[in-house]
PDB file of N, CA and C in Angstrom:
ATOM      1  N   MET A   1      18.144   3.644 -47.355  1.00  0.00           N
ATOM      2  CA  MET A   1      18.206   4.163 -46.002  1.00  0.00           C
ATOM      3  C   MET A   1      18.698   3.048 -45.078  1.00  0.00           C
ATOM      4  N   ASN A   2      19.584   3.397 -44.216  1.00  0.00           N
ATOM      5  CA  ASN A   2      20.176   2.476 -43.255  1.00  0.00           C
ATOM      6  C   ASN A   2      19.132   2.103 -42.189  1.00  0.00           C
ATOM      7  N   PRO A   3      19.063   0.841 -41.761  1.00  0.00           N
ATOM      8  CA  PRO A   3      18.071   0.450 -40.745  1.00  0.00           C
ATOM      9  C   PRO A   3      18.234   1.215 -39.429  1.00  0.00           C
ATOM     10  N   PHE A   4      19.450   1.577 -39.070  1.00  0.00           N
ATOM     11  CA  PHE A   4      19.661   2.321 -37.830  1.00  0.00           C
ATOM     12  C   PHE A   4      19.097   3.737 -37.914  1.00  0.00           C
ATOM     13  N   GLU A   5      18.997   4.284 -39.126  1.00  0.00           N
ATOM     14  CA  GLU A   5      18.406   5.612 -39.302  1.00  0.00           C
ATOM     15  C   GLU A   5      16.900   5.576 -39.036  1.00  0.00           C
ATOM     16  N   ILE A   6      16.304   4.425 -39.124  1.00  0.00           N
ATOM     17  CA  ILE A   6      14.878   4.272 -38.836  1.00  0.00           C
ATOM     18  C   ILE A   6      14.671   3.977 -37.347  1.00  0.00           C
ATOM     19  N   VAL A   7      15.551   3.198 -36.758  1.00  0.00           N
ATOM     20  CA  VAL A   7      15.406   2.789 -35.360  1.00  0.00           C
ATOM     21  C   VAL A   7      15.569   3.972 -34.419  1.00  0.00           C
ATOM     22  N   VAL A   8      16.522   4.842 -34.684  1.00  0.00           N
ATOM     23  CA  VAL A   8      16.796   5.970 -33.782  1.00  0.00           C
ATOM     24  C   VAL A   8      15.577   6.873 -33.624  1.00  0.00           C
ATOM     25  N   PRO A   9      14.906   7.315 -34.691  1.00  0.00           N
ATOM     26  CA  PRO A   9      13.711   8.152 -34.485  1.00  0.00           C
ATOM     27  C   PRO A   9      12.572   7.411 -33.769  1.00  0.00           C
ATOM     28  N   ILE A  10      12.442   6.108 -34.027  1.00  0.00           N
ATOM     29  CA  ILE A  10      11.389   5.343 -33.354  1.00  0.00           C
ATOM     30  C   ILE A  10      11.656   5.288 -31.856  1.00  0.00           C
ATOM     31  N   VAL A  11      12.890   5.003 -31.468  1.00  0.00           N
ATOM     32  CA  VAL A  11      13.250   4.967 -30.051  1.00  0.00           C
ATOM     33  C   VAL A  11      13.044   6.339 -29.420  1.00  0.00           C
ATOM     34  N   ALA A  12      13.414   7.398 -30.136  1.00  0.00           N
ATOM     35  CA  ALA A  12      13.236   8.756 -29.614  1.00  0.00           C
ATOM     36  C   ALA A  12      11.754   9.063 -29.403  1.00  0.00           C
ATOM     37  N   LEU A  13      10.903   8.647 -30.323  1.00  0.00           N
ATOM     38  CA  LEU A  13       9.463   8.885 -30.178  1.00  0.00           C
ATOM     39  C   LEU A  13       8.886   8.117 -28.990  1.00  0.00           C
ATOM     40  N   VAL A  14       9.310   6.884 -28.803  1.00  0.00           N
ATOM     41  CA  VAL A  14       8.824   6.091 -27.676  1.00  0.00           C
ATOM     42  C   VAL A  14       9.253   6.732 -26.362  1.00  0.00           C
ATOM     43  N   MET A  15      10.505   7.158 -26.291  1.00  0.00           N
ATOM     44  CA  MET A  15      10.994   7.800 -25.064  1.00  0.00           C
ATOM     45  C   MET A  15      10.247   9.104 -24.798  1.00  0.00           C
ATOM     46  N   LEU A  16      10.031   9.900 -25.831  1.00  0.00           N
ATOM     47  CA  LEU A  16       9.314  11.162 -25.671  1.00  0.00           C
ATOM     48  C   LEU A  16       7.879  10.920 -25.215  1.00  0.00           C
ATOM     49  N   SER A  17       7.225   9.922 -25.793  1.00  0.00           N
ATOM     50  CA  SER A  17       5.842   9.655 -25.384  1.00  0.00           C
ATOM     51  C   SER A  17       5.782   9.167 -23.940  1.00  0.00           C
ATOM     52  N   THR A  18       6.762   8.379 -23.501  1.00  0.00           N
ATOM     53  CA  THR A  18       6.799   7.918 -22.112  1.00  0.00           C
ATOM     54  C   THR A  18       6.989   9.087 -21.161  1.00  0.00           C
ATOM     55  N   VAL A  19       7.887   9.991 -21.504  1.00  0.00           N
ATOM     56  CA  VAL A  19       8.114  11.170 -20.664  1.00  0.00           C
ATOM     57  C   VAL A  19       6.861  12.032 -20.616  1.00  0.00           C
ATOM     58  N   LEU A  20       6.202  12.222 -21.733  1.00  0.00           N
ATOM     59  CA  LEU A  20       4.982  13.036 -21.760  1.00  0.00           C
ATOM     60  C   LEU A  20       3.861  12.392 -20.939  1.00  0.00           C
ATOM     61  N   LYS A  21       3.700  11.070 -21.040  1.00  0.00           N
ATOM     62  CA  LYS A  21       2.665  10.405 -20.243  1.00  0.00           C
ATOM     63  C   LYS A  21       2.938  10.562 -18.751  1.00  0.00           C
ATOM     64  N   THR A  22       4.195  10.420 -18.362  1.00  0.00           N
ATOM     65  CA  THR A  22       4.555  10.577 -16.954  1.00  0.00           C
ATOM     66  C   THR A  22       4.294  12.000 -16.486  1.00  0.00           C
ATOM     67  N   TRP A  23       4.633  12.969 -17.299  1.00  0.00           N
ATOM     68  CA  TRP A  23       4.435  14.373 -16.937  1.00  0.00           C
ATOM     69  C   TRP A  23       2.945  14.694 -16.818  1.00  0.00           C
ATOM     70  N   ILE A  24       2.147  14.183 -17.742  1.00  0.00           N
ATOM     71  CA  ILE A  24       0.699  14.419 -17.696  1.00  0.00           C
ATOM     72  C   ILE A  24       0.098  13.770 -16.452  1.00  0.00           C
ATOM     73  N   LYS A  25       0.536  12.563 -16.130  1.00  0.00           N
ATOM     74  CA  LYS A  25       0.045  11.883 -14.929  1.00  0.00           C
ATOM     75  C   LYS A  25       0.434  12.665 -13.676  1.00  0.00           C
ATOM     76  N   TYR A  26       1.646  13.171 -13.639  1.00  0.00           N
ATOM     77  CA  TYR A  26       2.103  13.973 -12.501  1.00  0.00           C
ATOM     78  C   TYR A  26       1.242  15.218 -12.343  1.00  0.00           C
ATOM     79  N   ARG A  27       0.957  15.892 -13.430  1.00  0.00           N
ATOM     80  CA  ARG A  27       0.136  17.110 -13.365  1.00  0.00           C
ATOM     81  C   ARG A  27      -1.297  16.789 -12.950  1.00  0.00           C
ATOM     82  N   ALA A  28      -1.806  15.649 -13.356  1.00  0.00           N
ATOM     83  CA  ALA A  28      -3.192  15.288 -13.033  1.00  0.00           C
ATOM     84  C   ALA A  28      -3.350  14.956 -11.553  1.00  0.00           C
ATOM     85  N   THR A  29      -2.367  14.288 -10.964  1.00  0.00           N
ATOM     86  CA  THR A  29      -2.482  13.901  -9.562  1.00  0.00           C
ATOM     87  C   THR A  29      -2.014  14.997  -8.627  1.00  0.00           C
ATOM     88  N   GLY A  30      -1.161  15.866  -9.077  1.00  0.00           N
ATOM     89  CA  GLY A  30      -0.700  16.969  -8.248  1.00  0.00           C
ATOM     90  C   GLY A  30       0.467  16.626  -7.350  1.00  0.00           C
ATOM     91  N   HIS A  31       0.911  15.398  -7.344  1.00  0.00           N
ATOM     92  CA  HIS A  31       2.066  15.014  -6.543  1.00  0.00           C
ATOM     93  C   HIS A  31       2.722  13.784  -7.155  1.00  0.00           C
ATOM     94  N   ALA A  32       3.979  13.589  -6.815  1.00  0.00           N
ATOM     95  CA  ALA A  32       4.715  12.475  -7.406  1.00  0.00           C
ATOM     96  C   ALA A  32       4.924  11.326  -6.431  1.00  0.00           C
ATOM     97  N   GLY A  33       4.902  11.617  -5.141  1.00  0.00           N
ATOM     98  CA  GLY A  33       5.226  10.593  -4.159  1.00  0.00           C
ATOM     99  C   GLY A  33       4.002   9.984  -3.520  1.00  0.00           C
ATOM    100  N   PRO A  34       4.231   8.990  -2.673  1.00  0.00           N
ATOM    101  CA  PRO A  34       3.121   8.369  -1.950  1.00  0.00           C
ATOM    102  C   PRO A  34       2.539   9.323  -0.907  1.00  0.00           C
ATOM    103  N   ASP A  35       1.289   9.147  -0.637  1.00  0.00           N
ATOM    104  CA  ASP A  35       0.586  10.000   0.315  1.00  0.00           C
ATOM    105  C   ASP A  35       0.955   9.582   1.738  1.00  0.00           C
ATOM    106  N   PRO A  36       1.506  10.496   2.549  1.00  0.00           N
ATOM    107  CA  PRO A  36       1.878  10.116   3.918  1.00  0.00           C
ATOM    108  C   PRO A  36       0.663   9.739   4.770  1.00  0.00           C
ATOM    109  N   GLU A  37      -0.471  10.335   4.492  1.00  0.00           N
ATOM    110  CA  GLU A  37      -1.672  10.002   5.253  1.00  0.00           C
ATOM    111  C   GLU A  37      -2.110   8.560   4.985  1.00  0.00           C
ATOM    112  N   ALA A  38      -1.885   8.090   3.764  1.00  0.00           N
ATOM    113  CA  ALA A  38      -2.249   6.711   3.430  1.00  0.00           C
ATOM    114  C   ALA A  38      -1.438   5.722   4.261  1.00  0.00           C
ATOM    115  N   ALA A  39      -0.173   6.011   4.484  1.00  0.00           N
ATOM    116  CA  ALA A  39       0.665   5.123   5.300  1.00  0.00           C
ATOM    117  C   ALA A  39       0.171   5.099   6.742  1.00  0.00           C
ATOM    118  N   ILE A  40      -0.215   6.252   7.257  1.00  0.00           N
ATOM    119  CA  ILE A  40      -0.734   6.327   8.626  1.00  0.00           C
ATOM    120  C   ILE A  40      -2.024   5.521   8.735  1.00  0.00           C
ATOM    121  N   LEU A  41      -2.897   5.673   7.755  1.00  0.00           N
ATOM    122  CA  LEU A  41      -4.163   4.943   7.772  1.00  0.00           C
ATOM    123  C   LEU A  41      -3.945   3.439   7.627  1.00  0.00           C
ATOM    124  N   ARG A  42      -2.964   3.038   6.810  1.00  0.00           N
ATOM    125  CA  ARG A  42      -2.649   1.613   6.681  1.00  0.00           C
ATOM    126  C   ARG A  42      -2.192   1.030   8.006  1.00  0.00           C
ATOM    127  N   ASP A  43      -1.350   1.782   8.728  1.00  0.00           N
ATOM    128  CA  ASP A  43      -0.894   1.315  10.039  1.00  0.00           C
ATOM    129  C   ASP A  43      -2.064   1.186  11.014  1.00  0.00           C
ATOM    130  N   GLU A  44      -2.955   2.169  10.978  1.00  0.00           N
ATOM    131  CA  GLU A  44      -4.109   2.133  11.880  1.00  0.00           C
ATOM    132  C   GLU A  44      -5.020   0.944  11.565  1.00  0.00           C
ATOM    133  N   VAL A  45      -5.227   0.678  10.286  1.00  0.00           N
ATOM    134  CA  VAL A  45      -6.058  -0.462   9.892  1.00  0.00           C
ATOM    135  C   VAL A  45      -5.422  -1.764  10.364  1.00  0.00           C
ATOM    136  N   LYS A  46      -4.092  -1.875  10.248  1.00  0.00           N
ATOM    137  CA  LYS A  46      -3.402  -3.083  10.710  1.00  0.00           C
ATOM    138  C   LYS A  46      -3.596  -3.280  12.208  1.00  0.00           C
ATOM    139  N   LYS A  47      -3.472  -2.199  12.983  1.00  0.00           N
ATOM    140  CA  LYS A  47      -3.672  -2.293  14.431  1.00  0.00           C
ATOM    141  C   LYS A  47      -5.102  -2.720  14.755  1.00  0.00           C
ATOM    142  N   LEU A  48      -6.056  -2.147  14.050  1.00  0.00           N
ATOM    143  CA  LEU A  48      -7.455  -2.498  14.298  1.00  0.00           C
ATOM    144  C   LEU A  48      -7.738  -3.956  13.936  1.00  0.00           C
ATOM    145  N   ARG A  49      -7.142  -4.432  12.854  1.00  0.00           N
ATOM    146  CA  ARG A  49      -7.331  -5.839  12.480  1.00  0.00           C
ATOM    147  C   ARG A  49      -6.748  -6.759  13.539  1.00  0.00           C
ATOM    148  N   ASP A  50      -5.590  -6.385  14.070  1.00  0.00           N
ATOM    149  CA  ASP A  50      -4.988  -7.188  15.138  1.00  0.00           C
ATOM    150  C   ASP A  50      -5.891  -7.226  16.364  1.00  0.00           C
ATOM    151  N   ARG A  51      -6.466  -6.080  16.707  1.00  0.00           N
ATOM    152  CA  ARG A  51      -7.359  -6.032  17.869  1.00  0.00           C
ATOM    153  C   ARG A  51      -8.605  -6.881  17.642  1.00  0.00           C
ATOM    154  N   VAL A  52      -9.166  -6.814  16.437  1.00  0.00           N
ATOM    155  CA  VAL A  52     -10.347  -7.616  16.126  1.00  0.00           C
ATOM    156  C   VAL A  52     -10.007  -9.100  16.197  1.00  0.00           C
ATOM    157  N   ALA A  53      -8.818  -9.471  15.731  1.00  0.00           N
ATOM    158  CA  ALA A  53      -8.410 -10.881  15.800  1.00  0.00           C
ATOM    159  C   ALA A  53      -8.341 -11.349  17.246  1.00  0.00           C
ATOM    160  N   VAL A  54      -7.823 -10.506  18.134  1.00  0.00           N
ATOM    161  CA  VAL A  54      -7.761 -10.862  19.555  1.00  0.00           C
ATOM    162  C   VAL A  54      -9.168 -11.011  20.118  1.00  0.00           C
ATOM    163  N   LEU A  55     -10.037 -10.081  19.797  1.00  0.00           N
ATOM    164  CA  LEU A  55     -11.412 -10.155  20.298  1.00  0.00           C
ATOM    165  C   LEU A  55     -12.137 -11.391  19.767  1.00  0.00           C
ATOM    166  N   GLU A  56     -11.901 -11.753  18.511  1.00  0.00           N
ATOM    167  CA  GLU A  56     -12.524 -12.958  17.965  1.00  0.00           C
ATOM    168  C   GLU A  56     -12.020 -14.202  18.685  1.00  0.00           C
ATOM    169  N   ARG A  57     -10.721 -14.229  18.968  1.00  0.00           N
ATOM    170  CA  ARG A  57     -10.173 -15.371  19.697  1.00  0.00           C
ATOM    171  C   ARG A  57     -10.790 -15.473  21.078  1.00  0.00           C
ATOM    172  N   ILE A  58     -10.934 -14.340  21.748  1.00  0.00           N
ATOM    173  CA  ILE A  58     -11.524 -14.339  23.087  1.00  0.00           C
ATOM    174  C   ILE A  58     -12.973 -14.816  23.030  1.00  0.00           C
ATOM    175  N   ALA A  59     -13.719 -14.348  22.045  1.00  0.00           N
ATOM    176  CA  ALA A  59     -15.140 -14.688  21.950  1.00  0.00           C
ATOM    177  C   ALA A  59     -15.370 -16.152  21.608  1.00  0.00           C
ATOM    178  N   THR A  60     -14.440 -16.789  20.940  1.00  0.00           N
ATOM    179  CA  THR A  60     -14.661 -18.170  20.517  1.00  0.00           C
ATOM    180  C   THR A  60     -13.998 -19.195  21.423  1.00  0.00           C
ATOM    181  N   ASP A  61     -13.212 -18.761  22.390  1.00  0.00           N
ATOM    182  CA  ASP A  61     -12.561 -19.696  23.316  1.00  0.00           C
ATOM    183  C   ASP A  61     -13.565 -20.253  24.315  1.00  0.00           C
ATOM    184  N   LYS A  62     -13.172 -21.353  24.932  1.00  0.00           N
ATOM    185  CA  LYS A  62     -13.992 -21.928  25.997  1.00  0.00           C
ATOM    186  C   LYS A  62     -13.908 -21.032  27.227  1.00  0.00           C
ATOM    187  N   GLU A  63     -14.765 -21.265  28.173  1.00  0.00           N
ATOM    188  CA  GLU A  63     -14.887 -20.398  29.356  1.00  0.00           C
ATOM    189  C   GLU A  63     -13.568 -20.243  30.109  1.00  0.00           C
ATOM    190  N   ASN A  64     -12.863 -21.327  30.394  1.00  0.00           N
ATOM    191  CA  ASN A  64     -11.629 -21.217  31.175  1.00  0.00           C
ATOM    192  C   ASN A  64     -10.534 -20.500  30.384  1.00  0.00           C
ATOM    193  N   LEU A  65     -10.512 -20.674  29.083  1.00  0.00           N
ATOM    194  CA  LEU A  65      -9.532 -19.969  28.264  1.00  0.00           C
ATOM    195  C   LEU A  65      -9.845 -18.479  28.202  1.00  0.00           C
ATOM    196  N   LEU A  66     -11.124 -18.142  28.291  1.00  0.00           N
ATOM    197  CA  LEU A  66     -11.524 -16.744  28.274  1.00  0.00           C
ATOM    198  C   LEU A  66     -10.952 -16.005  29.475  1.00  0.00           C
ATOM    199  N   GLU A  67     -11.039 -16.596  30.630  1.00  0.00           N
ATOM    200  CA  GLU A  67     -10.487 -15.968  31.835  1.00  0.00           C
ATOM    201  C   GLU A  67      -8.984 -15.779  31.718  1.00  0.00           C
ATOM    202  N   GLN A  68      -8.302 -16.790  31.231  1.00  0.00           N
ATOM    203  CA  GLN A  68      -6.850 -16.699  31.082  1.00  0.00           C
ATOM    204  C   GLN A  68      -6.460 -15.595  30.099  1.00  0.00           C
ATOM    205  N   GLU A  69      -7.185 -15.479  29.008  1.00  0.00           N
ATOM    206  CA  GLU A  69      -6.876 -14.461  28.005  1.00  0.00           C
ATOM    207  C   GLU A  69      -7.099 -13.053  28.559  1.00  0.00           C
ATOM    208  N   ILE A  70      -8.183 -12.869  29.301  1.00  0.00           N
ATOM    209  CA  ILE A  70      -8.455 -11.560  29.901  1.00  0.00           C
ATOM    210  C   ILE A  70      -7.349 -11.187  30.872  1.00  0.00           C
ATOM    211  N   GLU A  71      -6.919 -12.130  31.677  1.00  0.00           N
ATOM    212  CA  GLU A  71      -5.836 -11.854  32.630  1.00  0.00           C
ATOM    213  C   GLU A  71      -4.526 -11.541  31.909  1.00  0.00           C
ATOM    214  N   ARG A  72      -4.267 -12.258  30.836  1.00  0.00           N
ATOM    215  CA  ARG A  72      -3.044 -11.999  30.070  1.00  0.00           C
ATOM    216  C   ARG A  72      -3.073 -10.600  29.463  1.00  0.00           C
ATOM    217  N   LEU A  73      -4.225 -10.184  28.958  1.00  0.00           N
ATOM    218  CA  LEU A  73      -4.344  -8.853  28.370  1.00  0.00           C
ATOM    219  C   LEU A  73      -4.242  -7.761  29.429  1.00  0.00           C
ATOM    220  N   ARG A  74      -4.716  -8.038  30.620  1.00  0.00           N
ATOM    221  CA  ARG A  74      -4.601  -7.057  31.705  1.00  0.00           C
ATOM    222  C   ARG A  74      -3.146  -6.841  32.104  1.00  0.00           C
ATOM    223  N   ASP A  75      -2.345  -7.887  31.994  1.00  0.00           N
ATOM    224  CA  ASP A  75      -0.940  -7.805  32.396  1.00  0.00           C
ATOM    225  C   ASP A  75      -0.091  -7.010  31.409  1.00  0.00           C
ATOM    226  N   ARG A  76      -0.566  -6.714  30.259  1.00  0.00           N
ATOM    227  CA  ARG A  76       0.210  -5.977  29.249  1.00  0.00           C
ATOM    228  C   ARG A  76       0.521  -4.590  29.686  1.00  0.00           C
TER     229      ARG A  76
END
């Protein structure tokens, strides 16, 4: 038997199993693409983290820097 006659069925089996695993995963999750709500929530979390970082900076600054930061935020 020629070595290529053995390789072709093996490659075909690997490809078929990969396609079947992908199809089963697709059926189990019910969708193929990313969840649009997850992207919205990620953006919201990023905004909240930015706000918390600003509040932490304000809380840890010295008194005179605190006044300046509040005024800068009011000007936005």
